[in-house]
Each structure stands twice: as C-alpha cells, then as structure tokens.
N, C-alpha and C. Protein backbone atom coordinates (compact mmCIF):
# COMPACT_ATOMS: atom_id res chain seq x y z
N UNK A 1 -9.35 -9.73 -28.05
CA UNK A 1 -10.31 -8.66 -28.19
C UNK A 1 -9.58 -7.32 -28.09
N UNK A 2 -9.83 -6.44 -29.00
CA UNK A 2 -9.13 -5.16 -29.01
C UNK A 2 -10.06 -3.99 -28.73
N UNK A 3 -11.30 -4.26 -28.38
CA UNK A 3 -12.25 -3.19 -28.10
C UNK A 3 -12.80 -3.32 -26.68
N UNK A 4 -13.39 -2.24 -26.22
CA UNK A 4 -14.02 -2.27 -24.90
C UNK A 4 -15.29 -3.12 -24.96
N UNK A 5 -15.65 -3.73 -23.84
CA UNK A 5 -16.83 -4.59 -23.82
C UNK A 5 -17.33 -4.75 -22.40
N UNK A 6 -18.53 -5.27 -22.27
CA UNK A 6 -19.11 -5.64 -20.98
C UNK A 6 -19.62 -7.06 -21.11
N UNK A 7 -19.62 -7.77 -19.99
CA UNK A 7 -20.01 -9.18 -19.99
C UNK A 7 -20.73 -9.47 -18.67
N UNK A 8 -21.87 -10.14 -18.74
CA UNK A 8 -22.61 -10.53 -17.53
C UNK A 8 -22.03 -11.86 -17.05
N UNK A 9 -21.19 -11.81 -16.04
CA UNK A 9 -20.40 -12.96 -15.59
C UNK A 9 -21.24 -14.15 -15.17
N UNK A 10 -22.33 -13.97 -14.41
CA UNK A 10 -23.08 -15.14 -13.96
C UNK A 10 -23.63 -16.00 -15.10
N UNK A 11 -23.90 -15.39 -16.27
CA UNK A 11 -24.51 -16.13 -17.38
C UNK A 11 -23.51 -16.51 -18.47
N UNK A 12 -22.25 -16.17 -18.32
CA UNK A 12 -21.27 -16.42 -19.38
C UNK A 12 -21.09 -17.92 -19.61
N UNK A 13 -21.05 -18.31 -20.88
CA UNK A 13 -20.77 -19.70 -21.23
C UNK A 13 -19.29 -19.98 -21.04
N UNK A 14 -18.99 -21.11 -20.39
CA UNK A 14 -17.61 -21.49 -20.10
C UNK A 14 -17.29 -22.80 -20.80
N UNK A 15 -16.00 -23.03 -21.04
CA UNK A 15 -15.53 -24.26 -21.67
C UNK A 15 -14.83 -25.13 -20.62
N UNK A 16 -14.97 -26.46 -20.73
CA UNK A 16 -14.28 -27.35 -19.78
C UNK A 16 -12.76 -27.14 -19.82
N UNK A 17 -12.14 -27.16 -18.64
CA UNK A 17 -10.69 -27.07 -18.48
C UNK A 17 -10.28 -28.20 -17.54
N UNK A 18 -10.01 -29.39 -18.08
CA UNK A 18 -9.73 -30.54 -17.22
C UNK A 18 -8.56 -30.30 -16.26
N UNK A 19 -8.75 -30.77 -15.04
CA UNK A 19 -7.68 -30.74 -14.04
C UNK A 19 -6.73 -31.91 -14.28
N UNK A 20 -5.47 -31.71 -13.93
CA UNK A 20 -4.53 -32.83 -13.93
C UNK A 20 -4.90 -33.73 -12.76
N UNK A 21 -4.88 -35.06 -12.95
CA UNK A 21 -5.29 -35.97 -11.87
C UNK A 21 -4.55 -35.73 -10.55
N UNK A 22 -3.28 -35.35 -10.62
CA UNK A 22 -2.51 -35.13 -9.39
C UNK A 22 -2.97 -33.88 -8.62
N UNK A 23 -3.77 -33.02 -9.24
CA UNK A 23 -4.28 -31.83 -8.55
C UNK A 23 -5.47 -32.17 -7.66
N UNK A 24 -6.18 -33.25 -7.95
CA UNK A 24 -7.41 -33.58 -7.22
C UNK A 24 -7.07 -34.32 -5.94
N UNK A 25 -7.46 -33.73 -4.81
CA UNK A 25 -7.23 -34.33 -3.49
C UNK A 25 -8.43 -35.18 -3.09
N UNK A 26 -9.64 -34.64 -3.29
CA UNK A 26 -10.85 -35.40 -2.98
C UNK A 26 -12.03 -34.87 -3.77
N UNK A 27 -13.05 -35.73 -3.90
CA UNK A 27 -14.23 -35.36 -4.65
C UNK A 27 -14.00 -35.52 -6.14
N UNK A 28 -14.90 -34.92 -6.91
CA UNK A 28 -14.82 -34.97 -8.37
C UNK A 28 -15.00 -33.55 -8.92
N UNK A 29 -14.11 -32.62 -8.53
CA UNK A 29 -14.28 -31.24 -8.97
C UNK A 29 -14.11 -31.11 -10.48
N UNK A 30 -14.97 -30.29 -11.07
CA UNK A 30 -14.92 -30.00 -12.51
C UNK A 30 -14.63 -28.51 -12.68
N UNK A 31 -13.71 -28.21 -13.59
CA UNK A 31 -13.30 -26.82 -13.83
C UNK A 31 -13.71 -26.41 -15.23
N UNK A 32 -14.16 -25.16 -15.35
CA UNK A 32 -14.45 -24.58 -16.65
C UNK A 32 -14.03 -23.12 -16.62
N UNK A 33 -13.85 -22.53 -17.78
CA UNK A 33 -13.43 -21.14 -17.82
C UNK A 33 -13.54 -20.53 -19.19
N UNK A 34 -13.19 -19.26 -19.24
CA UNK A 34 -13.22 -18.52 -20.50
C UNK A 34 -12.26 -17.34 -20.37
N UNK A 35 -11.32 -17.24 -21.29
CA UNK A 35 -10.47 -16.06 -21.37
C UNK A 35 -11.26 -15.02 -22.16
N UNK A 36 -11.47 -13.84 -21.57
CA UNK A 36 -12.24 -12.80 -22.26
C UNK A 36 -11.34 -11.73 -22.86
N UNK A 37 -10.08 -11.68 -22.42
CA UNK A 37 -9.12 -10.72 -22.97
C UNK A 37 -7.71 -11.20 -22.66
N UNK A 38 -6.81 -11.03 -23.61
CA UNK A 38 -5.41 -11.36 -23.42
C UNK A 38 -4.57 -10.32 -24.12
N UNK A 39 -3.51 -9.85 -23.47
CA UNK A 39 -2.62 -8.87 -24.08
C UNK A 39 -1.91 -9.49 -25.27
N UNK A 40 -1.46 -8.67 -26.22
CA UNK A 40 -0.77 -9.21 -27.40
C UNK A 40 0.43 -10.09 -27.07
N UNK A 41 1.13 -9.79 -25.96
CA UNK A 41 2.30 -10.60 -25.59
C UNK A 41 1.93 -11.81 -24.72
N UNK A 42 0.63 -11.97 -24.39
CA UNK A 42 0.18 -13.11 -23.60
C UNK A 42 0.52 -13.05 -22.13
N UNK A 43 1.02 -11.92 -21.65
CA UNK A 43 1.45 -11.83 -20.25
C UNK A 43 0.35 -11.33 -19.31
N UNK A 44 -0.73 -10.80 -19.86
CA UNK A 44 -1.86 -10.35 -19.05
C UNK A 44 -3.13 -11.01 -19.58
N UNK A 45 -3.85 -11.66 -18.68
CA UNK A 45 -5.05 -12.42 -19.07
C UNK A 45 -6.18 -12.03 -18.13
N UNK A 46 -7.36 -11.84 -18.71
CA UNK A 46 -8.58 -11.56 -17.94
C UNK A 46 -9.59 -12.64 -18.29
N UNK A 47 -10.30 -13.14 -17.30
CA UNK A 47 -11.24 -14.20 -17.62
C UNK A 47 -12.21 -14.53 -16.51
N UNK A 48 -12.92 -15.63 -16.75
CA UNK A 48 -13.90 -16.17 -15.82
C UNK A 48 -13.51 -17.63 -15.59
N UNK A 49 -13.63 -18.08 -14.35
CA UNK A 49 -13.23 -19.45 -13.99
C UNK A 49 -14.24 -19.99 -13.01
N UNK A 50 -14.53 -21.28 -13.12
CA UNK A 50 -15.49 -21.91 -12.23
C UNK A 50 -15.00 -23.29 -11.83
N UNK A 51 -15.28 -23.68 -10.58
CA UNK A 51 -14.95 -25.02 -10.08
C UNK A 51 -16.08 -25.52 -9.21
N UNK A 52 -16.42 -26.81 -9.37
CA UNK A 52 -17.47 -27.44 -8.57
C UNK A 52 -16.85 -27.97 -7.27
N UNK A 53 -17.67 -28.36 -6.30
CA UNK A 53 -17.14 -28.78 -5.00
C UNK A 53 -16.13 -29.92 -5.08
N UNK A 54 -15.18 -29.85 -4.16
CA UNK A 54 -14.11 -30.82 -4.04
C UNK A 54 -12.88 -30.14 -3.48
N UNK A 55 -11.77 -30.86 -3.44
CA UNK A 55 -10.51 -30.31 -2.93
C UNK A 55 -9.43 -30.51 -3.99
N UNK A 56 -8.74 -29.41 -4.33
CA UNK A 56 -7.69 -29.46 -5.34
C UNK A 56 -6.47 -28.67 -4.86
N UNK A 57 -5.33 -28.96 -5.47
CA UNK A 57 -4.12 -28.19 -5.20
C UNK A 57 -3.72 -27.46 -6.48
N UNK A 58 -2.95 -26.40 -6.31
CA UNK A 58 -2.50 -25.62 -7.46
C UNK A 58 -1.25 -24.84 -7.09
N UNK A 59 -0.51 -24.42 -8.09
CA UNK A 59 0.56 -23.45 -7.94
C UNK A 59 0.10 -22.22 -8.70
N UNK A 60 0.01 -21.10 -8.01
CA UNK A 60 -0.67 -19.93 -8.54
C UNK A 60 0.22 -19.03 -9.41
N UNK A 61 -0.46 -18.26 -10.24
CA UNK A 61 0.15 -17.15 -10.97
C UNK A 61 -0.10 -15.89 -10.14
N UNK A 62 0.42 -14.77 -10.56
CA UNK A 62 0.14 -13.47 -9.94
C UNK A 62 -1.29 -13.12 -10.34
N UNK A 63 -2.22 -13.16 -9.38
CA UNK A 63 -3.63 -13.05 -9.73
C UNK A 63 -4.40 -12.23 -8.71
N UNK A 64 -5.37 -11.48 -9.22
CA UNK A 64 -6.40 -10.88 -8.39
C UNK A 64 -7.72 -11.40 -8.93
N UNK A 65 -8.64 -11.76 -8.03
CA UNK A 65 -9.95 -12.22 -8.49
C UNK A 65 -11.04 -11.75 -7.56
N UNK A 66 -12.27 -11.73 -8.11
CA UNK A 66 -13.47 -11.40 -7.35
C UNK A 66 -14.42 -12.58 -7.50
N UNK A 67 -14.91 -13.08 -6.38
CA UNK A 67 -15.86 -14.20 -6.39
C UNK A 67 -17.25 -13.65 -6.75
N UNK A 68 -17.85 -14.29 -7.74
CA UNK A 68 -19.19 -13.91 -8.19
C UNK A 68 -20.23 -14.73 -7.45
N UNK A 69 -19.97 -16.03 -7.31
CA UNK A 69 -20.90 -16.91 -6.60
C UNK A 69 -20.13 -18.10 -6.03
N UNK A 70 -20.74 -18.76 -5.04
CA UNK A 70 -20.12 -19.91 -4.42
C UNK A 70 -19.17 -19.54 -3.29
N UNK A 71 -18.49 -20.59 -2.77
CA UNK A 71 -17.57 -20.33 -1.66
C UNK A 71 -16.47 -21.38 -1.62
N UNK A 72 -15.34 -20.97 -1.06
CA UNK A 72 -14.19 -21.87 -0.92
C UNK A 72 -13.30 -21.39 0.20
N UNK A 73 -12.49 -22.32 0.68
CA UNK A 73 -11.41 -22.00 1.61
C UNK A 73 -10.12 -22.29 0.87
N UNK A 74 -9.22 -21.31 0.83
CA UNK A 74 -7.96 -21.46 0.11
C UNK A 74 -6.84 -21.40 1.13
N UNK A 75 -6.13 -22.52 1.28
CA UNK A 75 -4.99 -22.56 2.20
C UNK A 75 -3.72 -22.31 1.39
N UNK A 76 -2.99 -21.26 1.76
CA UNK A 76 -1.72 -20.93 1.10
C UNK A 76 -0.61 -21.55 1.94
N UNK A 77 0.16 -22.43 1.32
CA UNK A 77 1.25 -23.11 2.03
C UNK A 77 2.20 -22.07 2.64
N UNK A 78 2.39 -22.17 3.95
CA UNK A 78 3.26 -21.23 4.65
C UNK A 78 2.68 -19.84 4.81
N UNK A 79 1.36 -19.70 4.57
CA UNK A 79 0.75 -18.37 4.64
C UNK A 79 -0.66 -18.43 5.20
N UNK A 80 -1.47 -17.55 4.70
CA UNK A 80 -2.83 -17.36 5.21
C UNK A 80 -3.78 -18.44 4.71
N UNK A 81 -4.91 -18.56 5.42
CA UNK A 81 -6.05 -19.33 4.94
C UNK A 81 -7.14 -18.32 4.61
N UNK A 82 -7.58 -18.35 3.36
CA UNK A 82 -8.55 -17.37 2.86
C UNK A 82 -9.91 -18.03 2.73
N UNK A 83 -10.93 -17.42 3.31
CA UNK A 83 -12.30 -17.87 3.13
C UNK A 83 -12.95 -16.86 2.19
N UNK A 84 -13.42 -17.35 1.03
CA UNK A 84 -13.95 -16.43 0.02
C UNK A 84 -15.36 -16.83 -0.38
N UNK A 85 -16.16 -15.81 -0.66
CA UNK A 85 -17.53 -15.98 -1.11
C UNK A 85 -17.92 -14.79 -1.97
N UNK A 86 -19.18 -14.71 -2.38
CA UNK A 86 -19.64 -13.66 -3.29
C UNK A 86 -19.23 -12.26 -2.82
N UNK A 87 -18.64 -11.53 -3.74
CA UNK A 87 -18.21 -10.16 -3.47
C UNK A 87 -16.81 -10.03 -2.90
N UNK A 88 -16.19 -11.14 -2.52
CA UNK A 88 -14.83 -11.08 -1.96
C UNK A 88 -13.79 -10.97 -3.06
N UNK A 89 -12.77 -10.16 -2.81
CA UNK A 89 -11.62 -10.06 -3.70
C UNK A 89 -10.45 -10.73 -3.00
N UNK A 90 -9.63 -11.44 -3.77
CA UNK A 90 -8.44 -12.08 -3.21
C UNK A 90 -7.26 -11.83 -4.13
N UNK A 91 -6.07 -11.83 -3.54
CA UNK A 91 -4.83 -11.67 -4.28
C UNK A 91 -3.96 -12.89 -3.98
N UNK A 92 -3.51 -13.55 -5.05
CA UNK A 92 -2.58 -14.67 -4.92
C UNK A 92 -1.27 -14.29 -5.59
N UNK A 93 -0.18 -14.71 -4.99
CA UNK A 93 1.14 -14.37 -5.53
C UNK A 93 1.66 -15.50 -6.40
N UNK A 94 2.41 -15.13 -7.42
CA UNK A 94 3.03 -16.11 -8.29
C UNK A 94 3.86 -17.09 -7.45
N UNK A 95 3.65 -18.37 -7.68
CA UNK A 95 4.39 -19.40 -6.95
C UNK A 95 3.71 -19.89 -5.69
N UNK A 96 2.65 -19.19 -5.23
CA UNK A 96 1.92 -19.68 -4.05
C UNK A 96 1.43 -21.10 -4.33
N UNK A 97 1.70 -22.00 -3.39
CA UNK A 97 1.16 -23.36 -3.48
C UNK A 97 -0.10 -23.37 -2.63
N UNK A 98 -1.22 -23.74 -3.25
CA UNK A 98 -2.51 -23.62 -2.57
C UNK A 98 -3.27 -24.94 -2.56
N UNK A 99 -4.19 -24.99 -1.59
CA UNK A 99 -5.15 -26.11 -1.50
C UNK A 99 -6.52 -25.47 -1.41
N UNK A 100 -7.34 -25.71 -2.43
CA UNK A 100 -8.69 -25.15 -2.51
C UNK A 100 -9.70 -26.17 -2.04
N UNK A 101 -10.46 -25.84 -0.99
CA UNK A 101 -11.60 -26.65 -0.58
C UNK A 101 -12.84 -25.89 -1.02
N UNK A 102 -13.48 -26.39 -2.06
CA UNK A 102 -14.63 -25.70 -2.65
C UNK A 102 -15.90 -26.26 -2.01
N UNK A 103 -16.63 -25.38 -1.32
CA UNK A 103 -17.83 -25.77 -0.59
C UNK A 103 -19.07 -25.74 -1.49
N UNK A 104 -19.19 -24.68 -2.28
CA UNK A 104 -20.27 -24.51 -3.25
C UNK A 104 -19.61 -24.11 -4.56
N UNK A 105 -20.17 -24.53 -5.70
CA UNK A 105 -19.59 -24.19 -6.99
C UNK A 105 -19.21 -22.72 -7.01
N UNK A 106 -17.94 -22.46 -7.24
CA UNK A 106 -17.38 -21.11 -7.17
C UNK A 106 -17.12 -20.59 -8.58
N UNK A 107 -17.59 -19.38 -8.85
CA UNK A 107 -17.31 -18.69 -10.11
C UNK A 107 -16.63 -17.38 -9.76
N UNK A 108 -15.53 -17.10 -10.48
CA UNK A 108 -14.79 -15.87 -10.22
C UNK A 108 -14.41 -15.18 -11.52
N UNK A 109 -14.23 -13.88 -11.43
CA UNK A 109 -13.64 -13.08 -12.50
C UNK A 109 -12.22 -12.80 -12.07
N UNK A 110 -11.25 -12.99 -12.97
CA UNK A 110 -9.85 -12.88 -12.58
C UNK A 110 -9.02 -12.05 -13.56
N UNK A 111 -7.91 -11.58 -13.03
CA UNK A 111 -6.88 -10.92 -13.83
C UNK A 111 -5.55 -11.53 -13.43
N UNK A 112 -4.83 -12.09 -14.40
CA UNK A 112 -3.56 -12.76 -14.16
C UNK A 112 -2.46 -12.00 -14.90
N UNK A 113 -1.32 -11.88 -14.24
CA UNK A 113 -0.12 -11.31 -14.88
C UNK A 113 0.96 -12.37 -14.85
N UNK A 114 1.57 -12.66 -15.98
CA UNK A 114 2.62 -13.66 -16.08
C UNK A 114 3.97 -13.01 -16.25
C-alpha cells in the first residue's frame, strides 16, 4: 500500500497463519493475521495478528505492538515476564526467545523491523 489509510482493527478480516508444530507447547492455539503495510525493501512491516488460547514458543523480531483485545503472559527467556491486555503496548527485541501463554484470544496491531 502506498497511500495513507485507516483500518478498524477489531473487525479486520484475518488469514490463517499455521504455527509450526514444534512451537505449540499446549492447547490448540490458532494464529491468523494480516499485513496491512510493508516497505518496498520488506524490512518494515505493519499488521494485525491474533492467537487463540494455548501456550506457544517463538523467536521474536524487533517489534512494538499494542493489544486490542484479549490477554497473555509473555515470558522472555533470561528477561522479563510481560502481562499484556487491551491497551497495553509491548516491545520485543530481535532474537528474544519467548513463551506465550494466551489466556483469552489476543489481537494486536504490530510494527516489525527486520
């Protein structure tokens, strides 16, 4: 997208983004998302992401996000434990190894830099 725009995040249609089986620790979490903007070089991405309850692991990109709905506890290996819910902003560093315990389906708006 090369023009300015607005998007109502709670109602945005998302596409399934299957998790790798080794990422799932417990439950049956389902992930969906939508990239709403990407820089021409692909190094900056803005989007919406959602995950249903369960526990998953991930290795993070350089990211800032704001939780729109739902809640989760994010344990950063060797670092902080973040409790996030609606209205919370979080910053994850590239390479952070995380464990997400999703309590209620979580939807976030994010900005990633690669």
